[in-house]
């Protein structure tokens, strides 16, 4: 599974040939992080060292989030793929706050959970993130959960002006951030490998102004 996530291709044991669902789709809906065998070997060494730690196994239930991302990346349609990725953020927040009661955990907003995980795993030297900065992802989740399809219709959302193109770019960014997050739990820093997509700079822009100007501009274009 780690190999598949790193190279963006489904890699399975040969005995999978006997399974009814074989063959799998070859490509995964995630980015290539390991660009050659040398990088893949280094990433696997880093990941395996973490996975073998009993503390890591206890904290993450033997890598439940890795399996979840592996499966989510096989979903063809963008909207359900996004919702599957949201559950990974929900799960990792739980892993870092197991002392919370169920009712307390349920009362924490998705936005707060995303903010916490971004501070915990993805950025350094940030003491707090205003709730509005990463709101786009929770607004998209609410729209899909309650209305079924995009664009965002909530009249109180600052993103209600976005059309499909703009929403799609934020869906792509969230997918890439989820991949970075999952790999970061195994001590693999994928930001540099995904620099062609400006993932780090887009995240930094979100943290500064609560939006990505490029996505807003692309929304007016036919694609």
C-alpha atoms as a PDB file:
ATOM      1  CA  UNK A   1       0.000   0.000   0.000  1.00  0.00           C
ATOM      2  CA  UNK A   2       2.803   2.416   0.822  1.00  0.00           C
ATOM      3  CA  UNK A   3       4.482   1.685  -2.513  1.00  0.00           C
ATOM      4  CA  UNK A   4       1.200   2.342  -4.334  1.00  0.00           C
ATOM      5  CA  UNK A   5       0.685   5.662  -2.541  1.00  0.00           C
ATOM      6  CA  UNK A   6       4.252   6.740  -3.267  1.00  0.00           C
ATOM      7  CA  UNK A   7       4.215   5.956  -6.995  1.00  0.00           C
ATOM      8  CA  UNK A   8       0.555   6.653  -7.781  1.00  0.00           C
ATOM      9  CA  UNK A   9       0.015   3.165  -9.200  1.00  0.00           C
ATOM     10  CA  UNK A  10      -1.722   0.124  -7.759  1.00  0.00           C
ATOM     11  CA  UNK A  11       0.819  -2.490  -6.734  1.00  0.00           C
ATOM     12  CA  UNK A  12      -0.589  -5.764  -5.374  1.00  0.00           C
ATOM     13  CA  UNK A  13       0.726  -9.257  -4.559  1.00  0.00           C
ATOM     14  CA  UNK A  14       0.599 -11.742  -7.423  1.00  0.00           C
ATOM     15  CA  UNK A  15      -2.003 -13.890  -5.615  1.00  0.00           C
ATOM     16  CA  UNK A  16      -4.500 -11.040  -6.199  1.00  0.00           C
ATOM     17  CA  UNK A  17      -4.856 -12.504  -9.704  1.00  0.00           C
ATOM     18  CA  UNK A  18      -7.181 -15.095  -8.182  1.00  0.00           C
ATOM     19  CA  UNK A  19      -9.505 -12.490  -6.670  1.00  0.00           C
ATOM     20  CA  UNK A  20     -12.765 -11.627  -8.394  1.00  0.00           C
ATOM     21  CA  UNK A  21     -12.016  -7.874  -8.369  1.00  0.00           C
ATOM     22  CA  UNK A  22      -8.677  -8.311 -10.172  1.00  0.00           C
ATOM     23  CA  UNK A  23      -7.414  -6.549 -12.217  1.00  0.00           C
ATOM     24  CA  UNK A  24      -7.473  -3.259 -10.367  1.00  0.00           C
ATOM     25  CA  UNK A  25      -7.304   0.039 -12.180  1.00  0.00           C
ATOM     26  CA  UNK A  26      -3.580   0.600 -12.676  1.00  0.00           C
ATOM     27  CA  UNK A  27      -3.462   4.317 -11.849  1.00  0.00           C
ATOM     28  CA  UNK A  28      -4.413   5.797  -8.482  1.00  0.00           C
ATOM     29  CA  UNK A  29      -6.012   9.192  -7.924  1.00  0.00           C
ATOM     30  CA  UNK A  30      -3.007  10.539  -6.075  1.00  0.00           C
ATOM     31  CA  UNK A  31       0.297  12.096  -7.078  1.00  0.00           C
ATOM     32  CA  UNK A  32       3.688  10.507  -7.737  1.00  0.00           C
ATOM     33  CA  UNK A  33       5.917  11.168  -4.731  1.00  0.00           C
ATOM     34  CA  UNK A  34       8.721   8.684  -5.416  1.00  0.00           C
ATOM     35  CA  UNK A  35      10.011   9.627  -8.858  1.00  0.00           C
ATOM     36  CA  UNK A  36      12.609   6.872  -9.193  1.00  0.00           C
ATOM     37  CA  UNK A  37      13.761   3.701  -7.463  1.00  0.00           C
ATOM     38  CA  UNK A  38      16.267   5.560  -5.294  1.00  0.00           C
ATOM     39  CA  UNK A  39      13.612   7.873  -3.897  1.00  0.00           C
ATOM     40  CA  UNK A  40      11.187   4.972  -3.448  1.00  0.00           C
ATOM     41  CA  UNK A  41      13.763   2.980  -1.520  1.00  0.00           C
ATOM     42  CA  UNK A  42      14.462   5.950   0.761  1.00  0.00           C
ATOM     43  CA  UNK A  43      10.766   6.581   1.352  1.00  0.00           C
ATOM     44  CA  UNK A  44      10.100   2.908   2.113  1.00  0.00           C
ATOM     45  CA  UNK A  45      12.968   2.744   4.586  1.00  0.00           C
ATOM     46  CA  UNK A  46      11.593   5.803   6.374  1.00  0.00           C
ATOM     47  CA  UNK A  47       8.006   4.537   6.377  1.00  0.00           C
ATOM     48  CA  UNK A  48       8.807   0.966   7.419  1.00  0.00           C
ATOM     49  CA  UNK A  49      10.874   2.194  10.362  1.00  0.00           C
ATOM     50  CA  UNK A  50       7.811   4.060  11.620  1.00  0.00           C
ATOM     51  CA  UNK A  51       5.303   1.314  10.862  1.00  0.00           C
ATOM     52  CA  UNK A  52       7.322  -1.206  12.873  1.00  0.00           C
ATOM     53  CA  UNK A  53       7.169   0.951  16.006  1.00  0.00           C
ATOM     54  CA  UNK A  54       4.640  -0.417  18.479  1.00  0.00           C
ATOM     55  CA  UNK A  55       3.675   3.121  19.530  1.00  0.00           C
ATOM     56  CA  UNK A  56       2.874   3.995  15.890  1.00  0.00           C
ATOM     57  CA  UNK A  57       0.813   0.815  15.536  1.00  0.00           C
ATOM     58  CA  UNK A  58      -1.177   1.621  18.678  1.00  0.00           C
ATOM     59  CA  UNK A  59      -1.721   5.277  17.796  1.00  0.00           C
ATOM     60  CA  UNK A  60      -2.902   4.617  14.239  1.00  0.00           C
ATOM     61  CA  UNK A  61      -4.554   1.200  14.692  1.00  0.00           C
ATOM     62  CA  UNK A  62      -1.932  -0.533  12.567  1.00  0.00           C
ATOM     63  CA  UNK A  63      -2.158   2.102   9.837  1.00  0.00           C
ATOM     64  CA  UNK A  64      -5.910   2.339   9.358  1.00  0.00           C
ATOM     65  CA  UNK A  65      -5.498   5.772   7.715  1.00  0.00           C
ATOM     66  CA  UNK A  66      -2.965   4.382   5.222  1.00  0.00           C
ATOM     67  CA  UNK A  67      -5.435   1.721   4.131  1.00  0.00           C
ATOM     68  CA  UNK A  68      -8.188   4.340   4.006  1.00  0.00           C
ATOM     69  CA  UNK A  69      -6.149   6.600   1.729  1.00  0.00           C
ATOM     70  CA  UNK A  70      -5.145   3.653  -0.471  1.00  0.00           C
ATOM     71  CA  UNK A  71      -8.838   2.826  -0.972  1.00  0.00           C
ATOM     72  CA  UNK A  72      -9.977   6.444  -1.341  1.00  0.00           C
ATOM     73  CA  UNK A  73      -7.438   6.955  -4.116  1.00  0.00           C
ATOM     74  CA  UNK A  74      -9.159   4.251  -6.158  1.00  0.00           C
ATOM     75  CA  UNK A  75     -12.450   6.190  -6.255  1.00  0.00           C
ATOM     76  CA  UNK A  76     -13.025   7.540  -9.762  1.00  0.00           C
ATOM     77  CA  UNK A  77     -15.451  10.374  -8.984  1.00  0.00           C
ATOM     78  CA  UNK A  78     -14.082  13.538  -7.352  1.00  0.00           C
ATOM     79  CA  UNK A  79     -16.902  14.274  -4.898  1.00  0.00           C
ATOM     80  CA  UNK A  80     -17.092  10.873  -3.130  1.00  0.00           C
ATOM     81  CA  UNK A  81     -13.282  10.727  -3.213  1.00  0.00           C
ATOM     82  CA  UNK A  82     -13.211  14.049  -1.350  1.00  0.00           C
ATOM     83  CA  UNK A  83     -15.672  12.768   1.257  1.00  0.00           C
ATOM     84  CA  UNK A  84     -13.547   9.648   1.729  1.00  0.00           C
ATOM     85  CA  UNK A  85     -10.509  11.858   2.332  1.00  0.00           C
ATOM     86  CA  UNK A  86     -12.445  13.904   4.889  1.00  0.00           C
ATOM     87  CA  UNK A  87     -12.921  10.756   6.977  1.00  0.00           C
ATOM     88  CA  UNK A  88      -9.125  10.378   7.104  1.00  0.00           C
ATOM     89  CA  UNK A  89      -8.771  13.837   8.666  1.00  0.00           C
ATOM     90  CA  UNK A  90     -11.580  13.009  11.088  1.00  0.00           C
ATOM     91  CA  UNK A  91      -9.818   9.776  12.030  1.00  0.00           C
ATOM     92  CA  UNK A  92      -6.389  11.349  12.516  1.00  0.00           C
ATOM     93  CA  UNK A  93      -7.871  14.026  14.753  1.00  0.00           C
ATOM     94  CA  UNK A  94      -9.363  11.230  16.838  1.00  0.00           C
ATOM     95  CA  UNK A  95      -5.984   9.456  16.967  1.00  0.00           C
ATOM     96  CA  UNK A  96      -4.398  12.591  18.408  1.00  0.00           C
ATOM     97  CA  UNK A  97      -7.239  13.180  20.896  1.00  0.00           C
ATOM     98  CA  UNK A  98      -8.260   9.742  22.125  1.00  0.00           C
ATOM     99  CA  UNK A  99      -8.867  11.132  25.608  1.00  0.00           C
ATOM    100  CA  UNK A 100     -11.918  13.048  24.377  1.00  0.00           C
ATOM    101  CA  UNK A 101     -15.331  11.596  25.083  1.00  0.00           C
ATOM    102  CA  UNK A 102     -17.479  10.654  22.103  1.00  0.00           C
ATOM    103  CA  UNK A 103     -19.837  13.572  22.673  1.00  0.00           C
ATOM    104  CA  UNK A 104     -16.967  16.056  22.965  1.00  0.00           C
ATOM    105  CA  UNK A 105     -15.309  14.697  19.841  1.00  0.00           C
ATOM    106  CA  UNK A 106     -18.567  14.910  17.934  1.00  0.00           C
ATOM    107  CA  UNK A 107     -19.001  18.555  18.936  1.00  0.00           C
ATOM    108  CA  UNK A 108     -15.683  19.605  17.379  1.00  0.00           C
ATOM    109  CA  UNK A 109     -16.206  21.100  13.923  1.00  0.00           C
ATOM    110  CA  UNK A 110     -14.443  19.719  10.858  1.00  0.00           C
ATOM    111  CA  UNK A 111     -12.827  23.120  10.379  1.00  0.00           C
ATOM    112  CA  UNK A 112     -11.282  22.958  13.856  1.00  0.00           C
ATOM    113  CA  UNK A 113     -10.030  19.431  13.193  1.00  0.00           C
ATOM    114  CA  UNK A 114      -8.413  20.423   9.895  1.00  0.00           C
ATOM    115  CA  UNK A 115      -6.781  23.440  11.536  1.00  0.00           C
ATOM    116  CA  UNK A 116      -5.393  21.251  14.308  1.00  0.00           C
ATOM    117  CA  UNK A 117      -3.922  18.661  11.920  1.00  0.00           C
ATOM    118  CA  UNK A 118      -2.389  21.311   9.653  1.00  0.00           C
ATOM    119  CA  UNK A 119      -0.616  22.787  12.690  1.00  0.00           C
ATOM    120  CA  UNK A 120       0.323  19.364  14.041  1.00  0.00           C
ATOM    121  CA  UNK A 121       1.695  17.832  10.842  1.00  0.00           C
ATOM    122  CA  UNK A 122       1.995  20.227   7.906  1.00  0.00           C
ATOM    123  CA  UNK A 123       3.335  23.618   9.047  1.00  0.00           C
ATOM    124  CA  UNK A 124       5.943  24.746  11.529  1.00  0.00           C
ATOM    125  CA  UNK A 125       5.928  27.607  14.016  1.00  0.00           C
ATOM    126  CA  UNK A 126       2.223  28.398  13.686  1.00  0.00           C
ATOM    127  CA  UNK A 127       0.528  28.770  17.061  1.00  0.00           C
ATOM    128  CA  UNK A 128      -2.999  29.318  15.758  1.00  0.00           C
ATOM    129  CA  UNK A 129      -4.950  29.392  12.505  1.00  0.00           C
ATOM    130  CA  UNK A 130      -8.056  31.592  12.180  1.00  0.00           C
ATOM    131  CA  UNK A 131     -11.123  29.458  11.559  1.00  0.00           C
ATOM    132  CA  UNK A 132     -11.898  31.278   8.314  1.00  0.00           C
ATOM    133  CA  UNK A 133      -8.585  30.381   6.645  1.00  0.00           C
ATOM    134  CA  UNK A 134      -9.330  26.738   5.889  1.00  0.00           C
ATOM    135  CA  UNK A 135     -13.104  27.050   5.829  1.00  0.00           C
ATOM    136  CA  UNK A 136     -13.406  26.149   2.144  1.00  0.00           C
ATOM    137  CA  UNK A 137     -12.943  22.442   2.854  1.00  0.00           C
ATOM    138  CA  UNK A 138     -15.653  22.221   5.511  1.00  0.00           C
ATOM    139  CA  UNK A 139     -18.011  24.280   3.331  1.00  0.00           C
ATOM    140  CA  UNK A 140     -17.495  21.822   0.470  1.00  0.00           C
ATOM    141  CA  UNK A 141     -18.065  18.873   2.823  1.00  0.00           C
ATOM    142  CA  UNK A 142     -21.295  20.396   4.146  1.00  0.00           C
ATOM    143  CA  UNK A 143     -22.525  21.099   0.624  1.00  0.00           C
ATOM    144  CA  UNK A 144     -21.899  17.535  -0.535  1.00  0.00           C
ATOM    145  CA  UNK A 145     -23.283  15.998   2.657  1.00  0.00           C
ATOM    146  CA  UNK A 146     -26.489  18.039   2.726  1.00  0.00           C
ATOM    147  CA  UNK A 147     -27.139  18.918  -0.927  1.00  0.00           C
ATOM    148  CA  UNK A 148     -25.351  16.176  -2.803  1.00  0.00           C
ATOM    149  CA  UNK A 149     -23.549  18.263  -5.405  1.00  0.00           C
ATOM    150  CA  UNK A 150     -21.485  21.375  -5.907  1.00  0.00           C
ATOM    151  CA  UNK A 151     -21.262  24.369  -6.144  1.00  0.00           C
ATOM    152  CA  UNK A 152     -21.698  25.701  -2.595  1.00  0.00           C
ATOM    153  CA  UNK A 153     -25.175  27.070  -1.938  1.00  0.00           C
ATOM    154  CA  UNK A 154     -24.861  28.168   1.690  1.00  0.00           C
ATOM    155  CA  UNK A 155     -25.727  31.905   1.635  1.00  0.00           C
ATOM    156  CA  UNK A 156     -23.409  32.491   4.612  1.00  0.00           C
ATOM    157  CA  UNK A 157     -20.394  30.909   2.928  1.00  0.00           C
ATOM    158  CA  UNK A 158     -17.713  33.266   1.579  1.00  0.00           C
ATOM    159  CA  UNK A 159     -17.329  30.734  -1.259  1.00  0.00           C
ATOM    160  CA  UNK A 160     -20.916  30.757  -2.494  1.00  0.00           C
ATOM    161  CA  UNK A 161     -19.694  32.623  -5.605  1.00  0.00           C
ATOM    162  CA  UNK A 162     -17.522  29.679  -6.687  1.00  0.00           C
ATOM    163  CA  UNK A 163     -18.610  27.633  -9.669  1.00  0.00           C
ATOM    164  CA  UNK A 164     -17.608  24.078 -10.506  1.00  0.00           C
ATOM    165  CA  UNK A 165     -14.131  24.954 -11.806  1.00  0.00           C
ATOM    166  CA  UNK A 166     -13.129  26.735  -8.624  1.00  0.00           C
ATOM    167  CA  UNK A 167     -14.546  23.998  -6.419  1.00  0.00           C
ATOM    168  CA  UNK A 168     -12.725  21.366  -8.454  1.00  0.00           C
ATOM    169  CA  UNK A 169      -9.361  23.053  -7.824  1.00  0.00           C
ATOM    170  CA  UNK A 170      -9.992  23.040  -4.085  1.00  0.00           C
ATOM    171  CA  UNK A 171     -10.934  19.349  -4.302  1.00  0.00           C
ATOM    172  CA  UNK A 172      -7.581  18.646  -5.977  1.00  0.00           C
ATOM    173  CA  UNK A 173      -5.708  20.635  -3.339  1.00  0.00           C
ATOM    174  CA  UNK A 174      -7.437  18.761  -0.529  1.00  0.00           C
ATOM    175  CA  UNK A 175      -6.540  15.438  -2.122  1.00  0.00           C
ATOM    176  CA  UNK A 176      -2.888  16.449  -2.310  1.00  0.00           C
ATOM    177  CA  UNK A 177      -2.890  17.771   1.250  1.00  0.00           C
ATOM    178  CA  UNK A 178      -4.403  14.474   2.400  1.00  0.00           C
ATOM    179  CA  UNK A 179      -1.621  12.564   0.671  1.00  0.00           C
ATOM    180  CA  UNK A 180       0.987  14.807   2.301  1.00  0.00           C
ATOM    181  CA  UNK A 181      -0.716  14.320   5.678  1.00  0.00           C
ATOM    182  CA  UNK A 182      -0.855  10.527   5.439  1.00  0.00           C
ATOM    183  CA  UNK A 183       2.779  10.309   4.363  1.00  0.00           C
ATOM    184  CA  UNK A 184       3.814  12.739   7.095  1.00  0.00           C
ATOM    185  CA  UNK A 185       2.509  10.320   9.717  1.00  0.00           C
ATOM    186  CA  UNK A 186       5.177   7.954   8.381  1.00  0.00           C
ATOM    187  CA  UNK A 187       7.835  10.721   8.496  1.00  0.00           C
ATOM    188  CA  UNK A 188       7.831  11.221   4.708  1.00  0.00           C
ATOM    189  CA  UNK A 189       7.737  14.906   3.760  1.00  0.00           C
ATOM    190  CA  UNK A 190       6.087  15.032   0.333  1.00  0.00           C
ATOM    191  CA  UNK A 191       5.778  18.803  -0.077  1.00  0.00           C
ATOM    192  CA  UNK A 192       8.935  19.107  -2.167  1.00  0.00           C
ATOM    193  CA  UNK A 193       7.920  16.200  -4.400  1.00  0.00           C
ATOM    194  CA  UNK A 194       4.602  17.942  -5.081  1.00  0.00           C
ATOM    195  CA  UNK A 195       6.088  21.388  -5.703  1.00  0.00           C
ATOM    196  CA  UNK A 196       5.030  21.231  -9.365  1.00  0.00           C
ATOM    197  CA  UNK A 197       1.463  21.555  -8.061  1.00  0.00           C
ATOM    198  CA  UNK A 198       2.404  24.393  -5.654  1.00  0.00           C
ATOM    199  CA  UNK A 199       0.797  22.486  -2.788  1.00  0.00           C
ATOM    200  CA  UNK A 200       2.855  24.165  -0.082  1.00  0.00           C
ATOM    201  CA  UNK A 201       2.433  27.660  -1.548  1.00  0.00           C
ATOM    202  CA  UNK A 202      -1.324  27.147  -1.993  1.00  0.00           C
ATOM    203  CA  UNK A 203      -1.596  26.045   1.636  1.00  0.00           C
ATOM    204  CA  UNK A 204       0.432  29.055   2.761  1.00  0.00           C
ATOM    205  CA  UNK A 205      -1.849  31.336   0.734  1.00  0.00           C
ATOM    206  CA  UNK A 206      -4.892  29.789   2.374  1.00  0.00           C
ATOM    207  CA  UNK A 207      -3.366  30.404   5.780  1.00  0.00           C
ATOM    208  CA  UNK A 208      -2.701  34.052   4.862  1.00  0.00           C
ATOM    209  CA  UNK A 209      -5.911  35.103   3.143  1.00  0.00           C
ATOM    210  CA  UNK A 210      -8.318  32.163   3.344  1.00  0.00           C
ATOM    211  CA  UNK A 211      -8.432  31.535  -0.427  1.00  0.00           C
ATOM    212  CA  UNK A 212      -6.212  30.686  -3.399  1.00  0.00           C
ATOM    213  CA  UNK A 213      -6.361  33.532  -5.915  1.00  0.00           C
ATOM    214  CA  UNK A 214      -5.472  31.260  -8.847  1.00  0.00           C
ATOM    215  CA  UNK A 215      -8.455  29.006  -8.131  1.00  0.00           C
ATOM    216  CA  UNK A 216     -10.741  32.011  -7.964  1.00  0.00           C
ATOM    217  CA  UNK A 217      -9.440  33.191 -11.359  1.00  0.00           C
ATOM    218  CA  UNK A 218      -9.771  29.762 -12.968  1.00  0.00           C
ATOM    219  CA  UNK A 219     -13.389  29.634 -11.907  1.00  0.00           C
ATOM    220  CA  UNK A 220     -14.299  32.090 -14.656  1.00  0.00           C
ATOM    221  CA  UNK A 221     -12.703  29.989 -17.404  1.00  0.00           C
ATOM    222  CA  UNK A 222     -14.271  27.218 -19.447  1.00  0.00           C
ATOM    223  CA  UNK A 223     -12.335  23.988 -18.818  1.00  0.00           C
END
